[in-house]
Structure formats: structure tokens, C-alpha cells
C-alpha atoms as a PDB file:
ATOM      1  CA  MET A   1     -23.089 -80.262-196.057  1.00  0.00           C
ATOM      2  CA  LYS A   2     -20.107 -78.398-195.234  1.00  0.00           C
ATOM      3  CA  ARG A   3     -20.605 -75.436-192.601  1.00  0.00           C
ATOM      4  CA  LEU A   4     -18.869 -72.487-191.846  1.00  0.00           C
ATOM      5  CA  SER A   5     -15.743 -73.888-194.295  1.00  0.00           C
ATOM      6  CA  GLU A   6     -13.929 -70.492-195.238  1.00  0.00           C
ATOM      7  CA  PHE A   7     -12.786 -71.562-191.218  1.00  0.00           C
ATOM      8  CA  SER A   8     -10.951 -73.750-193.216  1.00  0.00           C
ATOM      9  CA  LEU A   9      -7.736 -74.952-192.965  1.00  0.00           C
ATOM     10  CA  SER A  10      -7.237 -77.757-194.366  1.00  0.00           C
ATOM     11  CA  LYS A  11      -4.068 -78.499-196.628  1.00  0.00           C
ATOM     12  CA  LYS A  12      -2.644 -75.109-195.656  1.00  0.00           C
ATOM     13  CA  VAL A  13       0.979 -74.943-193.589  1.00  0.00           C
ATOM     14  CA  VAL A  14       1.393 -72.342-190.734  1.00  0.00           C
ATOM     15  CA  LEU A  15       3.752 -71.541-188.246  1.00  0.00           C
ATOM     16  CA  VAL A  16       3.553 -70.331-185.856  1.00  0.00           C
ATOM     17  CA  SER A  17       6.785 -68.424-183.248  1.00  0.00           C
ATOM     18  CA  GLY A  18       6.889 -68.432-179.707  1.00  0.00           C
ATOM     19  CA  ALA A  19       4.749 -71.926-180.063  1.00  0.00           C
ATOM     20  CA  GLY A  20       6.913 -74.090-177.634  1.00  0.00           C
ATOM     21  CA  ARG A  21       4.849 -73.069-174.581  1.00  0.00           C
ATOM     22  CA  GLY A  22       1.763 -71.152-173.767  1.00  0.00           C
ATOM     23  CA  LEU A  23      -0.315 -68.468-176.031  1.00  0.00           C
ATOM     24  CA  GLY A  24       1.541 -69.399-179.301  1.00  0.00           C
ATOM     25  CA  LEU A  25       0.805 -73.786-178.518  1.00  0.00           C
ATOM     26  CA  THR A  26      -2.674 -72.360-178.338  1.00  0.00           C
ATOM     27  CA  GLN A  27      -3.096 -71.295-181.312  1.00  0.00           C
ATOM     28  CA  ALA A  28      -1.241 -73.163-182.891  1.00  0.00           C
ATOM     29  CA  GLU A  29      -3.845 -76.072-181.751  1.00  0.00           C
ATOM     30  CA  ALA A  30      -6.825 -74.880-182.802  1.00  0.00           C
ATOM     31  CA  LEU A  31      -4.857 -74.225-186.114  1.00  0.00           C
ATOM     32  CA  LEU A  32      -4.799 -77.713-186.243  1.00  0.00           C
ATOM     33  CA  GLU A  33      -8.063 -78.290-185.096  1.00  0.00           C
ATOM     34  CA  ALA A  34      -9.227 -76.054-188.356  1.00  0.00           C
ATOM     35  CA  GLY A  35      -6.982 -78.582-190.544  1.00  0.00           C
ATOM     36  CA  ALA A  36      -3.805 -77.342-190.904  1.00  0.00           C
ATOM     37  CA  THR A  37       0.046 -78.734-191.173  1.00  0.00           C
ATOM     38  CA  VAL A  38       1.613 -76.565-188.269  1.00  0.00           C
ATOM     39  CA  TYR A  39       5.228 -76.266-187.551  1.00  0.00           C
ATOM     40  CA  ALA A  40       6.955 -74.590-183.966  1.00  0.00           C
ATOM     41  CA  LEU A  41       8.945 -72.063-183.906  1.00  0.00           C
ATOM     42  CA  ASP A  42      10.878 -71.666-180.736  1.00  0.00           C
ATOM     43  CA  ARG A  43      14.527 -71.058-178.976  1.00  0.00           C
ATOM     44  CA  LEU A  44      13.558 -73.806-176.364  1.00  0.00           C
ATOM     45  CA  ALA A  45      15.494 -76.775-176.431  1.00  0.00           C
ATOM     46  CA  VAL A  46      12.412 -79.084-175.862  1.00  0.00           C
ATOM     47  CA  PRO A  47       8.915 -77.333-175.866  1.00  0.00           C
ATOM     48  CA  ALA A  48       6.490 -77.834-173.086  1.00  0.00           C
ATOM     49  CA  PRO A  49       5.083 -81.032-172.495  1.00  0.00           C
ATOM     50  CA  ASP A  50       2.048 -80.060-173.605  1.00  0.00           C
ATOM     51  CA  PHE A  51       3.451 -80.328-177.316  1.00  0.00           C
ATOM     52  CA  ASP A  52       3.755 -84.035-177.420  1.00  0.00           C
ATOM     53  CA  ILE A  53       0.872 -84.344-176.169  1.00  0.00           C
ATOM     54  CA  ILE A  54      -1.453 -81.961-178.723  1.00  0.00           C
ATOM     55  CA  ALA A  55       1.344 -83.432-181.649  1.00  0.00           C
ATOM     56  CA  LYS A  56       0.143 -86.632-180.964  1.00  0.00           C
ATOM     57  CA  ARG A  57      -3.716 -86.235-180.961  1.00  0.00           C
ATOM     58  CA  ALA A  58      -3.265 -83.697-184.182  1.00  0.00           C
ATOM     59  CA  GLU A  59      -2.056 -87.439-186.174  1.00  0.00           C
ATOM     60  CA  SER A  60      -4.135 -89.425-184.462  1.00  0.00           C
ATOM     61  CA  GLU A  61      -7.230 -87.017-184.423  1.00  0.00           C
ATOM     62  CA  LEU A  62      -6.959 -84.648-186.982  1.00  0.00           C
ATOM     63  CA  GLY A  63      -5.334 -86.078-190.020  1.00  0.00           C
ATOM     64  CA  THR A  64      -2.623 -83.334-189.098  1.00  0.00           C
ATOM     65  CA  SER A  65       0.764 -82.439-188.216  1.00  0.00           C
ATOM     66  CA  LEU A  66       2.828 -80.388-185.753  1.00  0.00           C
ATOM     67  CA  HIS A  67       6.234 -80.160-185.786  1.00  0.00           C
ATOM     68  CA  TYR A  68       8.918 -78.153-183.829  1.00  0.00           C
ATOM     69  CA  ARG A  69      12.268 -76.195-184.854  1.00  0.00           C
ATOM     70  CA  GLN A  70      14.443 -74.766-182.281  1.00  0.00           C
ATOM     71  CA  ILE A  71      15.080 -71.087-183.416  1.00  0.00           C
ATOM     72  CA  ASP A  72      16.243 -67.503-182.225  1.00  0.00           C
ATOM     73  CA  VAL A  73      13.997 -65.339-184.469  1.00  0.00           C
ATOM     74  CA  ARG A  74      17.602 -63.018-183.618  1.00  0.00           C
ATOM     75  CA  ASP A  75      19.494 -65.791-185.440  1.00  0.00           C
ATOM     76  CA  VAL A  76      18.341 -64.345-189.131  1.00  0.00           C
ATOM     77  CA  HIS A  77      20.445 -65.815-191.779  1.00  0.00           C
ATOM     78  CA  ASN A  78      18.614 -69.676-190.072  1.00  0.00           C
ATOM     79  CA  LEU A  79      15.702 -68.678-189.378  1.00  0.00           C
ATOM     80  CA  ASN A  80      15.354 -68.325-193.033  1.00  0.00           C
ATOM     81  CA  LYS A  81      17.348 -71.266-194.020  1.00  0.00           C
ATOM     82  CA  ILE A  82      14.370 -73.437-191.402  1.00  0.00           C
ATOM     83  CA  ILE A  83      11.821 -71.863-193.032  1.00  0.00           C
ATOM     84  CA  GLU A  84      12.453 -72.387-196.974  1.00  0.00           C
ATOM     85  CA  GLU A  85      13.503 -76.060-195.819  1.00  0.00           C
ATOM     86  CA  ILE A  86       9.577 -76.410-194.602  1.00  0.00           C
ATOM     87  CA  ALA A  87       8.306 -74.298-197.761  1.00  0.00           C
ATOM     88  CA  GLU A  88      10.177 -76.882-199.676  1.00  0.00           C
ATOM     89  CA  LYS A  89       9.173 -80.062-198.042  1.00  0.00           C
ATOM     90  CA  GLU A  90       5.607 -78.519-198.325  1.00  0.00           C
ATOM     91  CA  GLY A  91       5.376 -77.082-201.626  1.00  0.00           C
ATOM     92  CA  ARG A  92       3.230 -74.536-199.966  1.00  0.00           C
ATOM     93  CA  MET A  93       3.462 -71.680-197.282  1.00  0.00           C
ATOM     94  CA  ASP A  94       0.008 -70.199-196.536  1.00  0.00           C
ATOM     95  CA  GLY A  95       0.635 -68.384-192.592  1.00  0.00           C
ATOM     96  CA  LEU A  96       2.409 -67.275-189.974  1.00  0.00           C
ATOM     97  CA  ILE A  97       1.812 -66.242-186.559  1.00  0.00           C
ATOM     98  CA  ALA A  98       4.429 -64.449-185.063  1.00  0.00           C
ATOM     99  CA  ALA A  99       4.005 -64.742-181.104  1.00  0.00           C
ATOM    100  CA  ALA A 100       8.173 -65.053-180.444  1.00  0.00           C
ATOM    101  CA  GLY A 101       8.302 -62.315-177.384  1.00  0.00           C
ATOM    102  CA  ILE A 102       9.902 -61.431-174.032  1.00  0.00           C
ATOM    103  CA  GLN A 103       8.644 -59.290-171.043  1.00  0.00           C
ATOM    104  CA  GLN A 104      10.585 -57.245-168.719  1.00  0.00           C
ATOM    105  CA  GLU A 105       9.130 -55.179-166.296  1.00  0.00           C
ATOM    106  CA  THR A 106      12.026 -52.410-165.275  1.00  0.00           C
ATOM    107  CA  PRO A 107      11.180 -48.331-164.097  1.00  0.00           C
ATOM    108  CA  ALA A 108      12.492 -46.568-167.484  1.00  0.00           C
ATOM    109  CA  LEU A 109      14.961 -44.711-165.255  1.00  0.00           C
ATOM    110  CA  GLU A 110      17.276 -47.693-165.034  1.00  0.00           C
ATOM    111  CA  TYR A 111      16.494 -50.128-168.119  1.00  0.00           C
ATOM    112  CA  THR A 112      19.699 -50.424-169.381  1.00  0.00           C
ATOM    113  CA  ALA A 113      20.448 -49.846-173.429  1.00  0.00           C
ATOM    114  CA  GLU A 114      21.082 -53.541-173.731  1.00  0.00           C
ATOM    115  CA  ASP A 115      17.948 -54.877-172.229  1.00  0.00           C
ATOM    116  CA  ALA A 116      16.260 -52.295-174.872  1.00  0.00           C
ATOM    117  CA  ASN A 117      18.295 -52.986-177.697  1.00  0.00           C
ATOM    118  CA  ARG A 118      17.113 -57.277-176.349  1.00  0.00           C
ATOM    119  CA  MET A 119      13.552 -56.198-176.298  1.00  0.00           C
ATOM    120  CA  PHE A 120      13.413 -54.297-179.487  1.00  0.00           C
ATOM    121  CA  GLU A 121      15.701 -57.169-181.521  1.00  0.00           C
ATOM    122  CA  ILE A 122      12.921 -59.934-180.417  1.00  0.00           C
ATOM    123  CA  ASN A 123       9.578 -58.272-180.371  1.00  0.00           C
ATOM    124  CA  ILE A 124      10.101 -55.842-183.283  1.00  0.00           C
ATOM    125  CA  THR A 125      12.831 -57.246-184.924  1.00  0.00           C
ATOM    126  CA  GLY A 126      12.293 -60.748-184.999  1.00  0.00           C
ATOM    127  CA  VAL A 127       8.844 -60.366-186.128  1.00  0.00           C
ATOM    128  CA  PHE A 128       9.628 -58.539-188.838  1.00  0.00           C
ATOM    129  CA  MET A 129      12.637 -60.658-190.206  1.00  0.00           C
ATOM    130  CA  THR A 130      10.424 -64.113-189.419  1.00  0.00           C
ATOM    131  CA  SER A 131       7.257 -61.737-191.716  1.00  0.00           C
ATOM    132  CA  GLN A 132       9.997 -61.357-194.311  1.00  0.00           C
ATOM    133  CA  ALA A 133      11.126 -64.928-194.654  1.00  0.00           C
ATOM    134  CA  VAL A 134       7.223 -65.733-194.385  1.00  0.00           C
ATOM    135  CA  ALA A 135       6.522 -63.713-197.017  1.00  0.00           C
ATOM    136  CA  LYS A 136       9.404 -64.419-199.821  1.00  0.00           C
ATOM    137  CA  GLN A 137       8.136 -68.320-199.846  1.00  0.00           C
ATOM    138  CA  MET A 138       4.432 -66.906-200.283  1.00  0.00           C
ATOM    139  CA  ILE A 139       5.192 -64.845-202.650  1.00  0.00           C
ATOM    140  CA  LYS A 140       7.367 -67.429-204.303  1.00  0.00           C
ATOM    141  CA  PHE A 141       4.845 -70.240-204.088  1.00  0.00           C
ATOM    142  CA  GLY A 142       1.956 -67.244-205.793  1.00  0.00           C
ATOM    143  CA  ASN A 143      -0.831 -68.156-203.720  1.00  0.00           C
ATOM    144  CA  GLY A 144      -0.600 -65.339-201.364  1.00  0.00           C
ATOM    145  CA  GLY A 145      -1.674 -65.909-197.202  1.00  0.00           C
ATOM    146  CA  SER A 146      -2.393 -64.302-194.314  1.00  0.00           C
ATOM    147  CA  ILE A 147       0.537 -63.415-191.696  1.00  0.00           C
ATOM    148  CA  VAL A 148      -0.622 -62.527-187.607  1.00  0.00           C
ATOM    149  CA  MET A 149       1.500 -60.731-185.341  1.00  0.00           C
ATOM    150  CA  ILE A 150       0.805 -60.388-181.417  1.00  0.00           C
ATOM    151  CA  ALA A 151       0.862 -57.375-180.708  1.00  0.00           C
ATOM    152  CA  SER A 152      -0.643 -56.211-177.056  1.00  0.00           C
ATOM    153  CA  MET A 153      -3.980 -53.818-176.000  1.00  0.00           C
ATOM    154  CA  SER A 154      -0.386 -51.878-174.162  1.00  0.00           C
ATOM    155  CA  ALA A 155       0.775 -51.031-177.907  1.00  0.00           C
ATOM    156  CA  THR A 156      -1.948 -48.173-177.298  1.00  0.00           C
ATOM    157  CA  ILE A 157      -1.885 -47.726-173.068  1.00  0.00           C
ATOM    158  CA  ALA A 158       0.461 -47.907-170.154  1.00  0.00           C
ATOM    159  CA  ASN A 159      -0.492 -49.362-168.109  1.00  0.00           C
ATOM    160  CA  ARG A 160      -1.529 -48.625-165.114  1.00  0.00           C
ATOM    161  CA  GLY A 161       1.371 -50.279-162.205  1.00  0.00           C
ATOM    162  CA  LEU A 162       3.070 -52.283-164.402  1.00  0.00           C
ATOM    163  CA  ILE A 163       6.086 -50.761-165.479  1.00  0.00           C
ATOM    164  CA  CYS A 164       7.811 -51.931-168.841  1.00  0.00           C
ATOM    165  CA  PRO A 165       8.232 -49.041-170.730  1.00  0.00           C
ATOM    166  CA  ALA A 166      10.341 -50.665-174.073  1.00  0.00           C
ATOM    167  CA  TYR A 167       7.104 -53.996-173.956  1.00  0.00           C
ATOM    168  CA  ASN A 168       5.114 -51.416-175.109  1.00  0.00           C
ATOM    169  CA  ALA A 169       6.814 -49.179-177.063  1.00  0.00           C
ATOM    170  CA  SER A 170       8.004 -53.220-179.432  1.00  0.00           C
ATOM    171  CA  LYS A 171       4.655 -53.487-179.215  1.00  0.00           C
ATOM    172  CA  ALA A 172       3.279 -50.117-180.624  1.00  0.00           C
ATOM    173  CA  GLY A 173       5.913 -51.569-183.113  1.00  0.00           C
ATOM    174  CA  VAL A 174       4.086 -54.352-183.865  1.00  0.00           C
ATOM    175  CA  VAL A 175       1.187 -53.175-185.153  1.00  0.00           C
ATOM    176  CA  GLN A 176       2.559 -49.684-187.204  1.00  0.00           C
ATOM    177  CA  LEU A 177       4.650 -52.255-188.530  1.00  0.00           C
ATOM    178  CA  GLY A 178       1.605 -54.603-189.251  1.00  0.00           C
ATOM    179  CA  ARG A 179       0.365 -51.450-191.375  1.00  0.00           C
ATOM    180  CA  ASN A 180       3.521 -51.178-193.579  1.00  0.00           C
ATOM    181  CA  LEU A 181       3.398 -54.950-194.525  1.00  0.00           C
ATOM    182  CA  ALA A 182       0.453 -54.648-195.444  1.00  0.00           C
ATOM    183  CA  SER A 183       0.860 -51.994-197.495  1.00  0.00           C
ATOM    184  CA  GLU A 184       3.393 -52.949-199.408  1.00  0.00           C
ATOM    185  CA  TRP A 185       2.280 -57.047-199.966  1.00  0.00           C
ATOM    186  CA  GLY A 186      -1.054 -56.892-200.325  1.00  0.00           C
ATOM    187  CA  GLN A 187       0.123 -56.709-204.347  1.00  0.00           C
ATOM    188  CA  TYR A 188       1.001 -60.158-203.190  1.00  0.00           C
ATOM    189  CA  GLY A 189      -2.438 -61.882-201.805  1.00  0.00           C
ATOM    190  CA  ILE A 190      -0.501 -61.197-198.640  1.00  0.00           C
ATOM    191  CA  ARG A 191      -3.475 -59.841-195.574  1.00  0.00           C
ATOM    192  CA  VAL A 192      -1.248 -58.780-192.454  1.00  0.00           C
ATOM    193  CA  ASN A 193      -2.715 -58.258-189.287  1.00  0.00           C
ATOM    194  CA  THR A 194      -1.958 -58.209-185.209  1.00  0.00           C
ATOM    195  CA  ILE A 195      -3.828 -59.216-181.834  1.00  0.00           C
ATOM    196  CA  SER A 196      -3.896 -56.908-179.315  1.00  0.00           C
ATOM    197  CA  PRO A 197      -4.890 -58.878-176.010  1.00  0.00           C
ATOM    198  CA  GLY A 198      -5.327 -57.972-172.772  1.00  0.00           C
ATOM    199  CA  TYR A 199      -3.789 -59.526-169.580  1.00  0.00           C
ATOM    200  CA  ILE A 200      -3.599 -63.287-170.133  1.00  0.00           C
ATOM    201  CA  VAL A 201      -3.026 -65.721-167.184  1.00  0.00           C
ATOM    202  CA  THR A 202      -0.270 -68.043-168.480  1.00  0.00           C
ATOM    203  CA  ALA A 203       1.693 -70.532-166.057  1.00  0.00           C
ATOM    204  CA  MET A 204       4.171 -67.094-166.135  1.00  0.00           C
ATOM    205  CA  VAL A 205       1.488 -64.756-165.135  1.00  0.00           C
ATOM    206  CA  GLU A 206       0.466 -67.093-161.451  1.00  0.00           C
ATOM    207  CA  GLU A 207       4.332 -67.123-160.528  1.00  0.00           C
ATOM    208  CA  LEU A 208       4.146 -63.416-161.282  1.00  0.00           C
ATOM    209  CA  PHE A 209       0.601 -63.070-159.219  1.00  0.00           C
ATOM    210  CA  LYS A 210       2.368 -65.051-155.835  1.00  0.00           C
ATOM    211  CA  GLN A 211       5.143 -61.928-156.180  1.00  0.00           C
ATOM    212  CA  PHE A 212       2.668 -59.588-156.523  1.00  0.00           C
ATOM    213  CA  PRO A 213      -1.241 -60.945-154.763  1.00  0.00           C
ATOM    214  CA  GLU A 214      -2.381 -57.380-155.708  1.00  0.00           C
ATOM    215  CA  ARG A 215      -2.317 -57.349-159.744  1.00  0.00           C
ATOM    216  CA  ARG A 216      -4.606 -60.240-159.369  1.00  0.00           C
ATOM    217  CA  ARG A 217      -6.629 -58.511-157.396  1.00  0.00           C
ATOM    218  CA  ASP A 218      -6.691 -55.242-159.085  1.00  0.00           C
ATOM    219  CA  TRP A 219      -6.569 -56.319-163.084  1.00  0.00           C
ATOM    220  CA  PRO A 220      -9.652 -57.657-163.151  1.00  0.00           C
ATOM    221  CA  THR A 221     -11.065 -54.613-161.530  1.00  0.00           C
ATOM    222  CA  GLN A 222      -9.560 -52.738-165.079  1.00  0.00           C
ATOM    223  CA  ASN A 223     -11.942 -53.906-167.664  1.00  0.00           C
ATOM    224  CA  MET A 224     -15.314 -53.676-168.512  1.00  0.00           C
ATOM    225  CA  LEU A 225     -15.431 -57.364-168.032  1.00  0.00           C
ATOM    226  CA  GLY A 226     -13.965 -58.047-164.859  1.00  0.00           C
ATOM    227  CA  ARG A 227     -12.179 -60.849-164.821  1.00  0.00           C
ATOM    228  CA  LEU A 228      -8.783 -61.519-166.624  1.00  0.00           C
ATOM    229  CA  SER A 229      -8.654 -63.852-170.081  1.00  0.00           C
ATOM    230  CA  ALA A 230      -7.056 -67.376-170.773  1.00  0.00           C
ATOM    231  CA  PRO A 231      -4.571 -68.124-173.727  1.00  0.00           C
ATOM    232  CA  GLY A 232      -7.599 -70.119-174.788  1.00  0.00           C
ATOM    233  CA  GLU A 233     -10.015 -67.033-175.277  1.00  0.00           C
ATOM    234  CA  TYR A 234      -7.477 -66.863-178.770  1.00  0.00           C
ATOM    235  CA  ARG A 235      -8.030 -69.562-180.609  1.00  0.00           C
ATOM    236  CA  GLY A 236     -10.406 -68.719-182.349  1.00  0.00           C
ATOM    237  CA  ALA A 237      -9.544 -64.823-183.590  1.00  0.00           C
ATOM    238  CA  ALA A 238      -5.967 -66.998-184.764  1.00  0.00           C
ATOM    239  CA  VAL A 239      -8.348 -69.364-187.258  1.00  0.00           C
ATOM    240  CA  PHE A 240     -10.340 -66.177-188.305  1.00  0.00           C
ATOM    241  CA  LEU A 241      -7.800 -63.987-189.077  1.00  0.00           C
ATOM    242  CA  ILE A 242      -5.015 -67.176-190.615  1.00  0.00           C
ATOM    243  CA  SER A 243      -8.078 -68.572-192.414  1.00  0.00           C
ATOM    244  CA  ASP A 244     -10.539 -67.257-195.573  1.00  0.00           C
ATOM    245  CA  ALA A 245     -12.965 -65.954-193.120  1.00  0.00           C
ATOM    246  CA  SER A 246     -11.579 -62.854-192.639  1.00  0.00           C
ATOM    247  CA  SER A 247     -10.265 -62.584-196.356  1.00  0.00           C
ATOM    248  CA  PHE A 248     -11.052 -59.054-196.906  1.00  0.00           C
ATOM    249  CA  MET A 249      -9.278 -57.896-194.225  1.00  0.00           C
ATOM    250  CA  THR A 250      -5.642 -56.613-193.690  1.00  0.00           C
ATOM    251  CA  ALA A 251      -3.771 -54.087-192.153  1.00  0.00           C
ATOM    252  CA  ALA A 252      -6.050 -54.322-189.132  1.00  0.00           C
ATOM    253  CA  ASP A 253      -5.304 -54.984-185.451  1.00  0.00           C
ATOM    254  CA  LEU A 254      -7.815 -56.886-183.745  1.00  0.00           C
ATOM    255  CA  ARG A 255      -8.153 -55.558-179.857  1.00  0.00           C
ATOM    256  CA  MET A 256      -9.500 -58.465-177.363  1.00  0.00           C
ATOM    257  CA  ASP A 257      -8.999 -56.590-174.184  1.00  0.00           C
ATOM    258  CA  GLY A 258     -12.464 -57.058-172.484  1.00  0.00           C
ATOM    259  CA  GLY A 259     -12.793 -53.264-172.839  1.00  0.00           C
ATOM    260  CA  HIS A 260      -9.712 -52.660-171.028  1.00  0.00           C
ATOM    261  CA  SER A 261      -8.199 -49.772-172.888  1.00  0.00           C
ATOM    262  CA  ALA A 262     -11.604 -48.604-174.214  1.00  0.00           C
ATOM    263  CA  TRP A 263     -12.096 -46.605-170.763  1.00  0.00           C
END
């Protein structure tokens, strides 16, 4: 007897941008475990060492496959070309997790227009154009689909002690973008939702703690669980939102911040 079959992604084709490493790669692995064929998109020339390990596991243990395509989401022409080629090869397009993004910690009075525009171009326009390219393929095949965009708890709060005005504004834009895309694309059976994580301990954050050791101590005290999150804690959210388990959920923001922004 199949149990919770609505979580199955068997025969589904899902793209994950920003999946060359970090949270994107962790979520890609979860999609593979649920049965999806996954294409990772990232600007890295070579993905993290874990990528090859996960790709081999996908073939040997999971009966599916993980593929890599190098692309900068700002290169809209080639982004559309790659996504169209994937859809034509697989004969379908079922899901997207748009996790590509950058961070920059700079006081507002010192921010340059060039840096701000780069932040918005990747974190908002890049997410928008990736979603648009995927939605066009979903509409072409007529099977609907699910788009998930990675936002942040910083979309709705100003982080105490963390000076990143452009990043926070970009993530607020992602949440609002999700609502609007959902309102336009629902007629095609396409659902659009966002995930708003709290602080995640990644390799980059570990390096940040070396520079600002007080953050390792202070950040856990700012949420209701008294700890920081790990990338693996967002695996279930990825599968839930891409799968039929969330079939009546769209235009929603799934906030997973340990209660940080509920104080």
C-alpha cells in the first residue's frame, strides 16, 4: 500500500536554481529522494564536491538523475534557451525552486547604486525571469506545475545587528512577486509560493562567525527555539510545496524562522 502518495515526485521534472551548493543543493537532494528528475542551475563553473556524490546516489539508489547546467540568472537569453532545451528533452516541466541569490552586508549610507542594482538584478529580476521561463514551458505542456521562490524572514523584519538593507528589500520583493505571479498563472494550473527561512548555518555563515563570533551567541537567542537552523530542515518544505501535497496552496509564504519574527 502506498502511503502519502501525494508527496511523490515520480516522473516529475524539477529545476532548482542556485543548486550548485548550499540550501539549493540540499533541497535538490530532497526532490531526488521524492522521485523527481532534477536539473541544478548555478553560475558556478563547477558545483560543490557534494554534487557528484548526490548525483551518483540518485542513479544508484534512487532510480532518478541529477543534472547540472551552468548559467547566471542575469543572462536571460541563455537562461530561456537552457530551460527550453531541458523541457524539450524531458517532454515536460513540473516544478522550480528558485534559490539563486546573493547577500551583501553594507550600511545604507555606504551602498552604491551599482551594488544595489546587482543585488536586485539577481535576487528579484533573476528569480522573476527564471520563473517566467519555467512557466512558459509549463503552459506549453499544459500540465500546470509548482514554482517555489526562496525569500527570507528578512522580507518582513529588519534584522537586529545585521546591516543588509538591499538584501532585505530584495526578499520583500520576492514575496510580493510570488503573490502576483500566483494571481496571473493560477488559470494555467501553476501554483506559486515562497519559503522564508530564518538564519541557516551554512559554510558561508560559519566563515561569518569567525569574523563576528558574537553572532553565534546572539542569533539563537532571537528566536523562540533558541537555536539556528540547518539546511536539511528545509528539505520537507521543498517536497511539500512542489508536490501535490500542497495542491490547494498558492500565493502563500511559508515562514520557517523558529518564531524569530513572531515576537
